[in-house]
Amino acid sequence: MTKRKGFSLLEVIVYTAIIGVVGTLMTGILVSLLKIQNLQVATTDVHQQINFVILNIQRFVRASSAINMVNNDEDPVLTLTMADSTKNPTLIYRTGTRIYLKEGTSMEVPLTSNDVTVEDLQFIKISSAAGFDSIQFTVSMSYATENPQREFSKTITSTVAHFNPES
């Protein structure tokens, strides 16, 4: 009797089924990892941008000698008087979907990138006696994407105190 070399039909079917199950599991894992990565990219970018805006607002308010507000219903403007007259006035405001900083007569500088959409920027001046003023501000941002797997938004409200003994 001669031996045949090769695989039987049953062996080929079993191996194909095993490879199919493993391939399906690996595809599911890969899809889940890609969804997580997409959301992580959006989350990280929004958090970095919102933290950068908050830190800059805090830094400029603390360095200012006076806080003024220009409130209109659409886009409020934080107007700061600085000790350095070349930086007067220092403005922080939202135009369209971005937040900008303008110091004196210099060109405006965007504080946010095109990767995020600024949904809202609000300022509230809180005045008190003895030259203590505070600014409460709310910033809302979302990741600028059409991909539903990357949709992420965040709103933060913070307050920064300013002391001006000359008030």
Protein backbone atom coordinates (compact mmCIF):
# COMPACT_ATOMS: atom_id res chain seq x y z
CA MET A 1 0.00 0.00 0.00
CA THR A 2 1.31 3.37 -0.93
CA LYS A 3 0.97 6.40 1.31
CA ARG A 4 -0.48 9.57 -0.09
CA LYS A 5 1.10 12.84 0.81
CA GLY A 6 -1.04 15.94 1.46
CA PHE A 7 -4.01 16.97 3.54
CA SER A 8 -7.42 15.42 3.68
CA LEU A 9 -10.49 17.54 3.01
CA LEU A 10 -11.43 17.40 6.70
CA GLU A 11 -8.03 18.73 7.76
CA VAL A 12 -8.26 21.62 5.29
CA ILE A 13 -11.74 22.54 6.58
CA VAL A 14 -10.59 22.45 10.25
CA TYR A 15 -7.50 24.57 9.54
CA THR A 16 -9.54 27.08 7.53
CA ALA A 17 -12.07 27.37 10.34
CA ILE A 18 -9.34 27.93 12.94
CA ILE A 19 -7.68 30.61 10.79
CA GLY A 20 -11.08 32.27 10.22
CA VAL A 21 -11.90 32.41 13.95
CA VAL A 22 -8.44 33.76 14.84
CA GLY A 23 -8.64 36.32 12.02
CA THR A 24 -12.08 37.50 13.17
CA LEU A 25 -10.88 37.89 16.76
CA MET A 26 -7.77 39.80 15.69
CA THR A 27 -9.84 42.11 13.45
CA GLY A 28 -12.19 42.86 16.35
CA ILE A 29 -9.26 43.66 18.61
CA LEU A 30 -7.68 45.90 15.96
CA VAL A 31 -10.93 47.81 15.39
CA SER A 32 -11.34 48.36 19.15
CA LEU A 33 -7.77 49.62 19.45
CA LEU A 34 -8.26 52.05 16.58
CA LYS A 35 -11.44 53.45 18.19
CA ILE A 36 -9.61 53.93 21.48
CA GLN A 37 -6.67 55.59 19.73
CA ASN A 38 -8.97 57.97 17.81
CA LEU A 39 -10.73 59.05 20.99
CA GLN A 40 -7.42 59.38 22.84
CA VAL A 41 -6.00 61.69 20.16
CA ALA A 42 -9.07 63.93 20.37
CA THR A 43 -9.12 63.93 24.17
CA THR A 44 -5.43 64.76 24.47
CA ASP A 45 -5.61 67.58 21.95
CA VAL A 46 -8.64 69.24 23.56
CA HIS A 47 -7.11 68.95 27.05
CA GLN A 48 -3.79 70.43 25.90
CA GLN A 49 -5.46 73.34 24.12
CA ILE A 50 -7.84 74.15 26.96
CA ASN A 51 -5.01 74.01 29.53
CA PHE A 52 -2.87 76.29 27.38
CA VAL A 53 -5.69 78.86 27.16
CA ILE A 54 -6.34 78.71 30.92
CA LEU A 55 -2.67 79.16 31.80
CA ASN A 56 -2.34 82.13 29.45
CA ILE A 57 -5.45 83.84 30.78
CA GLN A 58 -4.21 83.34 34.35
CA ARG A 59 -0.73 84.62 33.49
CA PHE A 60 -1.95 87.78 31.76
CA VAL A 61 -4.57 88.61 34.41
CA ARG A 62 -1.99 88.27 37.20
CA ALA A 63 0.49 90.46 35.29
CA SER A 64 -2.08 93.18 34.56
CA SER A 65 -2.53 96.42 36.46
CA ALA A 66 -6.27 96.69 35.72
CA ILE A 67 -9.06 94.50 34.40
CA ASN A 68 -11.68 95.88 32.06
CA MET A 69 -14.47 94.06 30.32
CA VAL A 70 -16.10 94.58 26.98
CA ASN A 71 -19.23 92.45 27.04
CA ASN A 72 -21.47 91.97 24.12
CA ASP A 73 -23.86 89.12 23.65
CA GLU A 74 -21.80 87.34 21.03
CA ASP A 75 -18.12 87.53 21.89
CA PRO A 76 -16.90 89.07 25.16
CA VAL A 77 -13.43 90.55 25.21
CA LEU A 78 -11.16 90.51 28.25
CA THR A 79 -9.29 93.83 28.19
CA LEU A 80 -6.27 94.13 30.47
CA THR A 81 -4.19 97.19 31.25
CA MET A 82 -0.54 96.25 31.59
CA ALA A 83 2.33 98.03 33.32
CA ASP A 84 4.25 98.01 30.02
CA SER A 85 2.50 100.67 27.92
CA THR A 86 3.52 98.96 24.66
CA LYS A 87 1.27 96.06 25.63
CA ASN A 88 -1.79 98.25 26.31
CA PRO A 89 -4.41 97.11 25.92
CA THR A 90 -3.93 93.36 26.08
CA LEU A 91 -6.98 91.64 24.66
CA ILE A 92 -8.11 88.03 24.93
CA TYR A 93 -11.11 87.19 22.80
CA ARG A 94 -12.82 84.65 20.61
CA THR A 95 -13.32 85.17 16.90
CA GLY A 96 -15.05 82.41 15.00
CA THR A 97 -13.79 79.11 16.33
CA ARG A 98 -10.47 80.31 17.80
CA ILE A 99 -9.21 82.28 20.79
CA TYR A 100 -6.76 85.13 20.18
CA LEU A 101 -4.36 87.27 22.18
CA LYS A 102 -3.51 90.82 21.10
CA GLU A 103 -0.96 92.92 22.98
CA GLY A 104 -1.02 96.63 22.21
CA THR A 105 -0.53 97.33 18.53
CA SER A 106 1.08 93.98 17.76
CA MET A 107 -0.56 91.39 15.55
CA GLU A 108 -3.10 89.06 17.11
CA VAL A 109 -1.77 85.63 18.04
CA PRO A 110 -4.01 82.56 18.09
CA LEU A 111 -4.02 80.71 21.40
CA THR A 112 -5.80 77.71 19.87
CA SER A 113 -5.07 75.67 16.77
CA ASN A 114 -7.32 74.56 13.94
CA ASP A 115 -7.47 71.10 15.54
CA VAL A 116 -10.08 72.30 18.04
CA THR A 117 -13.24 74.34 17.75
CA VAL A 118 -13.91 76.90 20.47
CA GLU A 119 -17.61 76.63 21.17
CA ASP A 120 -17.79 79.27 23.90
CA LEU A 121 -15.65 81.78 25.79
CA GLN A 122 -17.22 83.83 28.57
CA PHE A 123 -15.71 86.26 31.07
CA ILE A 124 -17.28 87.58 34.29
CA LYS A 125 -15.49 90.25 36.31
CA ILE A 126 -15.94 89.92 40.05
CA SER A 127 -14.97 93.14 41.84
CA SER A 128 -14.45 93.48 45.55
CA ALA A 129 -13.10 96.01 48.00
CA ALA A 130 -9.43 96.80 48.54
CA GLY A 131 -8.37 96.26 44.93
CA PHE A 132 -9.11 92.55 44.71
CA ASP A 133 -10.66 91.69 41.38
CA SER A 134 -11.26 88.27 39.90
CA ILE A 135 -12.14 87.00 36.49
CA GLN A 136 -14.29 83.94 36.17
CA PHE A 137 -14.07 82.46 32.71
CA THR A 138 -15.64 79.54 30.93
CA VAL A 139 -14.04 77.85 27.94
CA SER A 140 -15.79 75.20 25.84
CA MET A 141 -13.87 73.34 23.14
CA SER A 142 -14.45 70.35 20.95
CA TYR A 143 -12.22 68.39 18.62
CA ALA A 144 -12.58 69.64 15.05
CA THR A 145 -13.47 66.51 13.15
CA GLU A 146 -16.10 64.90 10.98
CA ASN A 147 -15.17 61.46 12.33
CA PRO A 148 -17.73 60.37 14.96
CA GLN A 149 -15.07 58.23 16.63
CA ARG A 150 -13.06 61.36 17.39
CA GLU A 151 -15.87 63.47 18.80
CA PHE A 152 -14.90 64.95 22.15
CA SER A 153 -15.73 68.21 23.89
CA LYS A 154 -14.92 69.76 27.24
CA THR A 155 -16.06 72.79 29.20
CA ILE A 156 -14.03 74.25 32.05
CA THR A 157 -14.86 77.13 34.34
CA SER A 158 -12.01 78.69 36.28
CA THR A 159 -11.30 81.83 38.27
CA VAL A 160 -8.15 83.87 38.55
CA ALA A 161 -7.62 86.55 41.16
CA HIS A 162 -5.93 89.85 40.53
CA PHE A 163 -4.69 92.21 43.21
CA ASN A 164 -4.34 95.87 42.39
CA PRO A 165 -3.54 97.91 45.51
CA GLU A 166 -4.04 101.18 43.58
CA SER A 167 -7.80 100.54 43.18
